[in-house]
Amino acid sequence: MSNEAEKKEKTGLIELESLKDLIHLIVNTPLQIINHVELLSKHYYFMILGGLPGFSRLVYYFCQDTPIKESFIIYNNLQDTYEFGDKKETRGGISYLPIIHIKKQNILTIEDFAM
């Protein structure tokens, strides 16, 4: 194995069953944002966390065919429901998770998702 291959950071990918699973994960972390990138006409919504032994980072993601057009996922903590919207309001029991649309990145490739 070459030094180049040994130095390459390894990403651990964890595909979640639903967008709601990703929302549950994010509302329980200090950095409450959802990243979005389009790869080969699929829309990946994800968060990156520090790694575990053998992985430099972990990516929890959910993939769907259509993009979320709005700016926020609005999560109702009391009813465990979510909707989408473009405006933030002050309402108790509500979390606004901004969707960060990535224009260009070198963290994830489509090959990474071929598990």
C-alpha atoms as a PDB file:
ATOM      1  CA  MET A   1       0.000   0.000   0.000  1.00  0.00           C
ATOM      2  CA  SER A   2       1.451   3.382  -0.957  1.00  0.00           C
ATOM      3  CA  ASN A   3       1.876   6.310   1.417  1.00  0.00           C
ATOM      4  CA  GLU A   4      -0.638   8.193  -0.739  1.00  0.00           C
ATOM      5  CA  ALA A   5      -3.355   5.598  -0.141  1.00  0.00           C
ATOM      6  CA  GLU A   6      -2.590   5.453   3.585  1.00  0.00           C
ATOM      7  CA  LYS A   7      -2.945   9.240   3.881  1.00  0.00           C
ATOM      8  CA  LYS A   8      -6.307   9.322   2.077  1.00  0.00           C
ATOM      9  CA  GLU A   9      -9.052  10.154   4.526  1.00  0.00           C
ATOM     10  CA  LYS A  10     -11.775   7.560   4.706  1.00  0.00           C
ATOM     11  CA  THR A  11     -15.415   8.609   4.905  1.00  0.00           C
ATOM     12  CA  GLY A  12     -17.899   6.377   6.688  1.00  0.00           C
ATOM     13  CA  LEU A  13     -21.331   6.615   5.051  1.00  0.00           C
ATOM     14  CA  ILE A  14     -24.501   5.851   6.950  1.00  0.00           C
ATOM     15  CA  GLU A  15     -27.649   5.827   4.816  1.00  0.00           C
ATOM     16  CA  LEU A  16     -30.741   6.602   6.838  1.00  0.00           C
ATOM     17  CA  GLU A  17     -34.160   5.151   6.134  1.00  0.00           C
ATOM     18  CA  SER A  18     -35.977   8.475   6.003  1.00  0.00           C
ATOM     19  CA  LEU A  19     -35.605  12.232   6.068  1.00  0.00           C
ATOM     20  CA  LYS A  20     -37.268  12.156   9.482  1.00  0.00           C
ATOM     21  CA  ASP A  21     -34.406   9.996  10.797  1.00  0.00           C
ATOM     22  CA  LEU A  22     -31.946  12.644   9.613  1.00  0.00           C
ATOM     23  CA  ILE A  23     -34.054  15.358  11.265  1.00  0.00           C
ATOM     24  CA  HIS A  24     -34.075  13.433  14.554  1.00  0.00           C
ATOM     25  CA  LEU A  25     -30.304  13.125  14.412  1.00  0.00           C
ATOM     26  CA  ILE A  26     -29.727  16.782  13.590  1.00  0.00           C
ATOM     27  CA  VAL A  27     -32.046  18.252  16.245  1.00  0.00           C
ATOM     28  CA  ASN A  28     -29.978  16.388  18.824  1.00  0.00           C
ATOM     29  CA  THR A  29     -26.628  17.872  17.788  1.00  0.00           C
ATOM     30  CA  PRO A  30     -25.241  21.341  18.481  1.00  0.00           C
ATOM     31  CA  LEU A  31     -24.845  22.249  14.782  1.00  0.00           C
ATOM     32  CA  GLN A  32     -28.387  22.069  13.417  1.00  0.00           C
ATOM     33  CA  ILE A  33     -27.954  22.363   9.647  1.00  0.00           C
ATOM     34  CA  ILE A  34     -28.656  20.033   6.748  1.00  0.00           C
ATOM     35  CA  ASN A  35     -26.273  19.985   3.792  1.00  0.00           C
ATOM     36  CA  HIS A  36     -27.585  19.320   0.274  1.00  0.00           C
ATOM     37  CA  VAL A  37     -25.682  18.266  -2.836  1.00  0.00           C
ATOM     38  CA  GLU A  38     -26.914  16.934  -6.178  1.00  0.00           C
ATOM     39  CA  LEU A  39     -24.936  14.026  -7.665  1.00  0.00           C
ATOM     40  CA  LEU A  40     -26.090  12.393 -10.910  1.00  0.00           C
ATOM     41  CA  SER A  41     -29.614  13.832 -10.616  1.00  0.00           C
ATOM     42  CA  LYS A  42     -30.091  12.498  -7.061  1.00  0.00           C
ATOM     43  CA  HIS A  43     -30.441  14.856  -4.098  1.00  0.00           C
ATOM     44  CA  TYR A  44     -28.380  13.986  -1.032  1.00  0.00           C
ATOM     45  CA  TYR A  45     -29.234  15.610   2.298  1.00  0.00           C
ATOM     46  CA  PHE A  46     -26.583  14.986   4.927  1.00  0.00           C
ATOM     47  CA  MET A  47     -24.617  15.981   7.993  1.00  0.00           C
ATOM     48  CA  ILE A  48     -20.942  15.328   8.684  1.00  0.00           C
ATOM     49  CA  LEU A  49     -19.661  14.320  12.103  1.00  0.00           C
ATOM     50  CA  GLY A  50     -16.208  13.503  13.416  1.00  0.00           C
ATOM     51  CA  GLY A  51     -15.055  10.004  12.741  1.00  0.00           C
ATOM     52  CA  LEU A  52     -14.626   6.714  14.514  1.00  0.00           C
ATOM     53  CA  PRO A  53     -11.553   4.465  14.468  1.00  0.00           C
ATOM     54  CA  GLY A  54     -10.777   3.770  10.812  1.00  0.00           C
ATOM     55  CA  PHE A  55     -12.838   6.708   9.511  1.00  0.00           C
ATOM     56  CA  SER A  56     -11.835  10.370   9.448  1.00  0.00           C
ATOM     57  CA  ARG A  57     -15.493  11.460   9.223  1.00  0.00           C
ATOM     58  CA  LEU A  58     -18.993  10.015   9.248  1.00  0.00           C
ATOM     59  CA  VAL A  59     -21.696  11.176   6.854  1.00  0.00           C
ATOM     60  CA  TYR A  60     -25.314  10.506   7.769  1.00  0.00           C
ATOM     61  CA  TYR A  61     -27.460  10.987   4.685  1.00  0.00           C
ATOM     62  CA  PHE A  62     -30.819  10.590   3.036  1.00  0.00           C
ATOM     63  CA  CYS A  63     -31.242  10.537  -0.754  1.00  0.00           C
ATOM     64  CA  GLN A  64     -34.279  11.352  -2.876  1.00  0.00           C
ATOM     65  CA  ASP A  65     -35.015  12.045  -6.541  1.00  0.00           C
ATOM     66  CA  THR A  66     -36.517  15.518  -6.094  1.00  0.00           C
ATOM     67  CA  PRO A  67     -34.964  18.550  -4.405  1.00  0.00           C
ATOM     68  CA  ILE A  68     -36.459  20.336  -1.415  1.00  0.00           C
ATOM     69  CA  LYS A  69     -37.180  23.790  -2.846  1.00  0.00           C
ATOM     70  CA  GLU A  70     -37.681  25.623   0.468  1.00  0.00           C
ATOM     71  CA  SER A  71     -34.937  27.046   2.699  1.00  0.00           C
ATOM     72  CA  PHE A  72     -35.878  25.336   5.969  1.00  0.00           C
ATOM     73  CA  ILE A  73     -37.120  22.066   7.338  1.00  0.00           C
ATOM     74  CA  ILE A  74     -39.507  23.086  10.108  1.00  0.00           C
ATOM     75  CA  TYR A  75     -39.582  20.413  12.780  1.00  0.00           C
ATOM     76  CA  ASN A  76     -42.335  20.336  15.405  1.00  0.00           C
ATOM     77  CA  ASN A  77     -40.693  18.772  18.475  1.00  0.00           C
ATOM     78  CA  LEU A  78     -44.017  18.258  20.264  1.00  0.00           C
ATOM     79  CA  GLN A  79     -45.830  16.428  17.459  1.00  0.00           C
ATOM     80  CA  ASP A  80     -42.738  14.837  15.822  1.00  0.00           C
ATOM     81  CA  THR A  81     -43.773  16.207  12.424  1.00  0.00           C
ATOM     82  CA  TYR A  82     -42.019  18.306   9.822  1.00  0.00           C
ATOM     83  CA  GLU A  83     -42.829  20.587   6.925  1.00  0.00           C
ATOM     84  CA  PHE A  84     -40.874  22.872   4.640  1.00  0.00           C
ATOM     85  CA  GLY A  85     -40.829  26.658   4.483  1.00  0.00           C
ATOM     86  CA  ASP A  86     -38.863  29.779   3.591  1.00  0.00           C
ATOM     87  CA  LYS A  87     -39.591  31.930   6.654  1.00  0.00           C
ATOM     88  CA  LYS A  88     -38.502  31.639  10.264  1.00  0.00           C
ATOM     89  CA  GLU A  89     -40.976  32.510  12.986  1.00  0.00           C
ATOM     90  CA  THR A  90     -40.798  32.421  16.763  1.00  0.00           C
ATOM     91  CA  ARG A  91     -42.933  29.505  17.894  1.00  0.00           C
ATOM     92  CA  GLY A  92     -42.410  27.258  20.895  1.00  0.00           C
ATOM     93  CA  GLY A  93     -41.512  23.642  20.233  1.00  0.00           C
ATOM     94  CA  ILE A  94     -40.409  24.379  16.667  1.00  0.00           C
ATOM     95  CA  SER A  95     -36.890  23.906  15.246  1.00  0.00           C
ATOM     96  CA  TYR A  96     -35.884  25.538  11.970  1.00  0.00           C
ATOM     97  CA  LEU A  97     -33.200  23.507  10.225  1.00  0.00           C
ATOM     98  CA  PRO A  98     -31.592  25.493   7.425  1.00  0.00           C
ATOM     99  CA  ILE A  99     -30.772  23.584   4.248  1.00  0.00           C
ATOM    100  CA  ILE A 100     -27.279  24.511   3.057  1.00  0.00           C
ATOM    101  CA  HIS A 101     -27.160  24.052  -0.716  1.00  0.00           C
ATOM    102  CA  ILE A 102     -23.628  23.171  -1.776  1.00  0.00           C
ATOM    103  CA  LYS A 103     -22.539  24.534  -5.141  1.00  0.00           C
ATOM    104  CA  LYS A 104     -19.151  22.798  -5.274  1.00  0.00           C
ATOM    105  CA  GLN A 105     -17.432  20.337  -2.925  1.00  0.00           C
ATOM    106  CA  ASN A 106     -14.655  17.760  -2.815  1.00  0.00           C
ATOM    107  CA  ILE A 107     -15.772  15.752   0.222  1.00  0.00           C
ATOM    108  CA  LEU A 108     -18.220  13.333  -1.398  1.00  0.00           C
ATOM    109  CA  THR A 109     -18.257  11.685  -4.815  1.00  0.00           C
ATOM    110  CA  ILE A 110     -20.895   9.481  -6.371  1.00  0.00           C
ATOM    111  CA  GLU A 111     -18.424   6.617  -6.054  1.00  0.00           C
ATOM    112  CA  ASP A 112     -18.555   7.026  -2.264  1.00  0.00           C
ATOM    113  CA  PHE A 113     -22.231   6.079  -2.316  1.00  0.00           C
ATOM    114  CA  ALA A 114     -21.631   2.786  -4.154  1.00  0.00           C
ATOM    115  CA  MET A 115     -21.498   0.729  -0.951  1.00  0.00           C
END
